[in-house]
Protein backbone atom coordinates (compact mmCIF):
# COMPACT_ATOMS: atom_id res chain seq x y z
CA MET A 1 -2.08 10.09 -6.57
CA LYS A 2 -5.58 8.31 -5.96
CA VAL A 3 -5.94 4.61 -6.66
CA SER A 4 -9.23 2.92 -5.76
CA VAL A 5 -8.70 -0.62 -4.39
CA ALA A 6 -12.30 -1.36 -3.60
CA ASN A 7 -12.37 -3.89 -6.65
CA ASP A 8 -8.89 -5.09 -6.59
CA SER A 9 -7.69 -8.42 -5.24
CA SER A 10 -5.27 -6.53 -2.88
CA GLY A 11 -8.04 -4.23 -1.62
CA ARG A 12 -8.91 -6.21 1.51
CA TRP A 13 -5.16 -6.41 2.32
CA ILE A 14 -4.43 -2.75 1.90
CA GLU A 15 -7.65 -1.98 3.96
CA ASN A 16 -6.66 -4.37 6.78
CA SER A 17 -3.02 -3.01 6.85
CA ILE A 18 -4.15 0.60 7.12
CA ARG A 19 -6.40 -0.44 10.06
CA TYR A 20 -3.40 -2.30 11.63
CA ALA A 21 -1.33 0.72 11.23
CA VAL A 22 -3.80 3.15 12.85
CA SER A 23 -3.95 0.71 15.90
CA GLU A 24 -0.10 0.58 16.12
CA ALA A 25 0.15 4.50 15.86
CA GLY A 26 -1.67 4.94 19.20
CA GLY A 27 0.04 1.74 20.85
CA SER A 28 3.11 1.59 23.24
CA ILE A 29 4.12 -1.88 22.17
CA ALA A 30 7.80 -2.13 21.49
CA GLY A 31 8.80 -1.80 17.72
CA GLY A 32 5.50 0.00 16.90
CA GLU A 33 7.32 2.76 15.07
CA LEU A 34 9.42 0.32 13.10
CA VAL A 35 6.32 -1.49 11.99
CA MET A 36 4.59 1.79 11.13
CA ALA A 37 7.63 2.72 8.91
CA ARG A 38 7.84 -0.63 7.14
CA LEU A 39 4.08 -0.97 6.63
CA SER A 40 4.10 2.55 5.14
CA GLU A 41 6.75 1.67 2.75
CA LEU A 42 4.98 -1.53 1.71
CA LEU A 43 1.55 0.20 1.21
CA PHE A 44 3.32 2.87 -0.88
CA VAL A 45 4.93 0.38 -3.22
CA GLU A 46 1.68 -1.54 -3.55
CA LYS A 47 -0.23 1.57 -4.55
CA LEU A 48 2.55 2.34 -7.15
CA ARG A 49 2.07 -1.26 -8.47
CA LEU A 50 -1.56 -0.77 -8.87
CA TYR A 51 -1.26 2.71 -10.25
CA THR A 52 1.32 1.47 -12.97
CA ASN A 53 -0.49 -1.79 -13.85
CA ARG A 54 -3.59 0.44 -14.68
CA LEU A 55 -1.75 2.66 -17.08
CA PRO A 56 -1.91 1.94 -20.82
CA ARG A 57 0.81 -0.47 -21.83
CA SER A 58 2.63 2.28 -23.75
CA ARG A 59 3.03 4.29 -20.51
CA GLN A 60 4.19 1.53 -18.14
CA GLY A 61 7.85 1.83 -19.07
CA GLY A 62 10.14 -1.09 -18.89
CA SER A 63 10.79 -3.55 -21.78
CA SER A 64 8.08 -4.24 -24.22
């Protein structure tokens, strides 16, 4: 799945979160692995939200 976030309001947040995750990946601060796990979950959910919000209304599911 590929979703462009360059022109989206959450784009800056996602970009900064990815930068933070990369810095945590090489660190040795306690809890770094937990931060990475939760952050990856959050980013995944946000990408799904962006993807489904861009689908035609008839394909979004849920109640109409």
